[in-house]
Amino acid sequence: MSEKSLQIPERFDFGYHKEFTEQYQTLLEDKTISEIALDFSKVGYLDSSALGMMVLFQKKAKNQNVSVRIRGAKESAREILQIANFDRLFDIS
């Protein structure tokens, strides 16, 4: 089993919905993947639609026994994730 990383853009909002969904669905179709890391190192802005997309992704991944973690979140992005209690849903490193 392996880990794959998904690079999240600087602005994580509804405008990224289609691309985000296509990317994670492709990863979830690969049965050799056991963990997906959301690379937040470039994220400077995320909104409620981004949080919603992440919750939906987490549910789909969990149904396929794939763990999801958030890597590299800093400053405002990390603060938003903590305020939203996403540390309960995701391993944030």
C-alpha atoms as a PDB file:
ATOM      1  CA  MET A   1       0.000   0.000   0.000  1.00  0.00           C
ATOM      2  CA  SER A   2       1.200   3.494  -0.744  1.00  0.00           C
ATOM      3  CA  GLU A   3       0.628   7.161  -0.023  1.00  0.00           C
ATOM      4  CA  LYS A   4      -0.182   9.784  -2.619  1.00  0.00           C
ATOM      5  CA  SER A   5      -0.179  13.530  -2.243  1.00  0.00           C
ATOM      6  CA  LEU A   6      -2.713  15.997  -3.613  1.00  0.00           C
ATOM      7  CA  GLN A   7      -1.421  19.566  -4.046  1.00  0.00           C
ATOM      8  CA  ILE A   8      -4.017  22.113  -2.940  1.00  0.00           C
ATOM      9  CA  PRO A   9      -3.843  25.554  -4.631  1.00  0.00           C
ATOM     10  CA  GLU A  10      -3.297  28.918  -2.950  1.00  0.00           C
ATOM     11  CA  ARG A  11      -7.032  29.708  -3.128  1.00  0.00           C
ATOM     12  CA  PHE A  12      -9.048  26.684  -2.022  1.00  0.00           C
ATOM     13  CA  ASP A  13     -12.655  27.629  -2.755  1.00  0.00           C
ATOM     14  CA  PHE A  14     -15.604  26.523  -4.879  1.00  0.00           C
ATOM     15  CA  GLY A  15     -13.712  27.437  -8.053  1.00  0.00           C
ATOM     16  CA  TYR A  16     -11.476  24.420  -7.380  1.00  0.00           C
ATOM     17  CA  HIS A  17     -14.390  22.016  -6.770  1.00  0.00           C
ATOM     18  CA  LYS A  18     -14.395  20.217 -10.125  1.00  0.00           C
ATOM     19  CA  GLU A  19     -10.621  19.747 -10.269  1.00  0.00           C
ATOM     20  CA  PHE A  20     -10.403  18.653  -6.607  1.00  0.00           C
ATOM     21  CA  THR A  21     -13.199  16.093  -7.053  1.00  0.00           C
ATOM     22  CA  GLU A  22     -11.652  14.676 -10.237  1.00  0.00           C
ATOM     23  CA  GLN A  23      -8.231  14.392  -8.595  1.00  0.00           C
ATOM     24  CA  TYR A  24      -9.375  12.604  -5.452  1.00  0.00           C
ATOM     25  CA  GLN A  25     -11.734  10.288  -7.333  1.00  0.00           C
ATOM     26  CA  THR A  26      -8.825   9.185  -9.524  1.00  0.00           C
ATOM     27  CA  LEU A  27      -6.754   8.491  -6.398  1.00  0.00           C
ATOM     28  CA  LEU A  28      -9.597   6.591  -4.691  1.00  0.00           C
ATOM     29  CA  GLU A  29      -9.950   4.349  -7.767  1.00  0.00           C
ATOM     30  CA  ASP A  30      -6.349   3.177  -7.262  1.00  0.00           C
ATOM     31  CA  LYS A  31      -6.694   0.273  -4.829  1.00  0.00           C
ATOM     32  CA  THR A  32      -2.958   0.321  -3.992  1.00  0.00           C
ATOM     33  CA  ILE A  33      -3.300   3.664  -2.189  1.00  0.00           C
ATOM     34  CA  SER A  34      -3.875   3.462   1.564  1.00  0.00           C
ATOM     35  CA  GLU A  35      -3.270   7.115   2.482  1.00  0.00           C
ATOM     36  CA  ILE A  36      -3.776  10.443   0.754  1.00  0.00           C
ATOM     37  CA  ALA A  37      -2.033  13.565   1.998  1.00  0.00           C
ATOM     38  CA  LEU A  38      -3.574  16.936   1.203  1.00  0.00           C
ATOM     39  CA  ASP A  39      -0.589  19.215   0.684  1.00  0.00           C
ATOM     40  CA  PHE A  40      -1.635  22.569   2.135  1.00  0.00           C
ATOM     41  CA  SER A  41       1.811  24.186   1.884  1.00  0.00           C
ATOM     42  CA  LYS A  42       0.623  26.737  -0.708  1.00  0.00           C
ATOM     43  CA  VAL A  43      -2.844  27.428   0.729  1.00  0.00           C
ATOM     44  CA  GLY A  44      -3.360  31.015   1.830  1.00  0.00           C
ATOM     45  CA  TYR A  45      -7.152  31.092   1.619  1.00  0.00           C
ATOM     46  CA  LEU A  46      -9.908  28.557   2.108  1.00  0.00           C
ATOM     47  CA  ASP A  47     -13.619  29.056   2.587  1.00  0.00           C
ATOM     48  CA  SER A  48     -16.619  27.067   3.796  1.00  0.00           C
ATOM     49  CA  SER A  49     -17.105  25.369   0.428  1.00  0.00           C
ATOM     50  CA  ALA A  50     -13.528  24.052   0.671  1.00  0.00           C
ATOM     51  CA  LEU A  51     -14.283  22.683   4.128  1.00  0.00           C
ATOM     52  CA  GLY A  52     -17.413  21.013   2.757  1.00  0.00           C
ATOM     53  CA  MET A  53     -15.457  19.444  -0.107  1.00  0.00           C
ATOM     54  CA  MET A  54     -12.926  18.096   2.384  1.00  0.00           C
ATOM     55  CA  VAL A  55     -15.643  16.539   4.565  1.00  0.00           C
ATOM     56  CA  LEU A  56     -17.189  14.832   1.527  1.00  0.00           C
ATOM     57  CA  PHE A  57     -13.767  13.586   0.415  1.00  0.00           C
ATOM     58  CA  GLN A  58     -13.031  12.292   3.927  1.00  0.00           C
ATOM     59  CA  LYS A  59     -16.302  10.306   3.965  1.00  0.00           C
ATOM     60  CA  LYS A  60     -15.619   8.752   0.552  1.00  0.00           C
ATOM     61  CA  ALA A  61     -12.034   7.900   1.514  1.00  0.00           C
ATOM     62  CA  LYS A  62     -13.112   6.375   4.835  1.00  0.00           C
ATOM     63  CA  ASN A  63     -15.656   4.181   3.032  1.00  0.00           C
ATOM     64  CA  GLN A  64     -12.741   2.756   1.029  1.00  0.00           C
ATOM     65  CA  ASN A  65     -10.424   2.419   4.066  1.00  0.00           C
ATOM     66  CA  VAL A  66      -8.131   5.181   2.840  1.00  0.00           C
ATOM     67  CA  SER A  67      -6.816   7.563   5.462  1.00  0.00           C
ATOM     68  CA  VAL A  68      -6.518  11.269   4.712  1.00  0.00           C
ATOM     69  CA  ARG A  69      -4.165  13.698   6.363  1.00  0.00           C
ATOM     70  CA  ILE A  70      -3.375  17.362   5.953  1.00  0.00           C
ATOM     71  CA  ARG A  71       0.254  18.279   5.550  1.00  0.00           C
ATOM     72  CA  GLY A  72       1.980  21.662   5.552  1.00  0.00           C
ATOM     73  CA  ALA A  73      -0.924  23.918   6.580  1.00  0.00           C
ATOM     74  CA  LYS A  74       0.345  27.202   7.952  1.00  0.00           C
ATOM     75  CA  GLU A  75      -0.907  30.436   9.480  1.00  0.00           C
ATOM     76  CA  SER A  76      -4.464  31.346   8.505  1.00  0.00           C
ATOM     77  CA  ALA A  77      -5.185  28.024   6.777  1.00  0.00           C
ATOM     78  CA  ARG A  78      -4.105  26.058   9.877  1.00  0.00           C
ATOM     79  CA  GLU A  79      -6.123  28.396  12.103  1.00  0.00           C
ATOM     80  CA  ILE A  80      -9.283  27.907  10.020  1.00  0.00           C
ATOM     81  CA  LEU A  81      -8.844  24.113  10.125  1.00  0.00           C
ATOM     82  CA  GLN A  82      -8.441  24.224  13.914  1.00  0.00           C
ATOM     83  CA  ILE A  83     -11.456  26.529  14.419  1.00  0.00           C
ATOM     84  CA  ALA A  84     -13.534  24.129  12.302  1.00  0.00           C
ATOM     85  CA  ASN A  85     -12.319  21.221  14.500  1.00  0.00           C
ATOM     86  CA  PHE A  86     -10.845  19.470  11.463  1.00  0.00           C
ATOM     87  CA  ASP A  87      -8.176  17.998  13.725  1.00  0.00           C
ATOM     88  CA  ARG A  88     -10.943  15.571  14.753  1.00  0.00           C
ATOM     89  CA  LEU A  89     -11.486  14.451  11.145  1.00  0.00           C
ATOM     90  CA  PHE A  90      -7.927  14.611   9.836  1.00  0.00           C
ATOM     91  CA  ASP A  91      -4.406  14.072  11.052  1.00  0.00           C
ATOM     92  CA  ILE A  92      -2.908  17.563  10.621  1.00  0.00           C
ATOM     93  CA  SER A  93       0.878  17.703  10.447  1.00  0.00           C
END
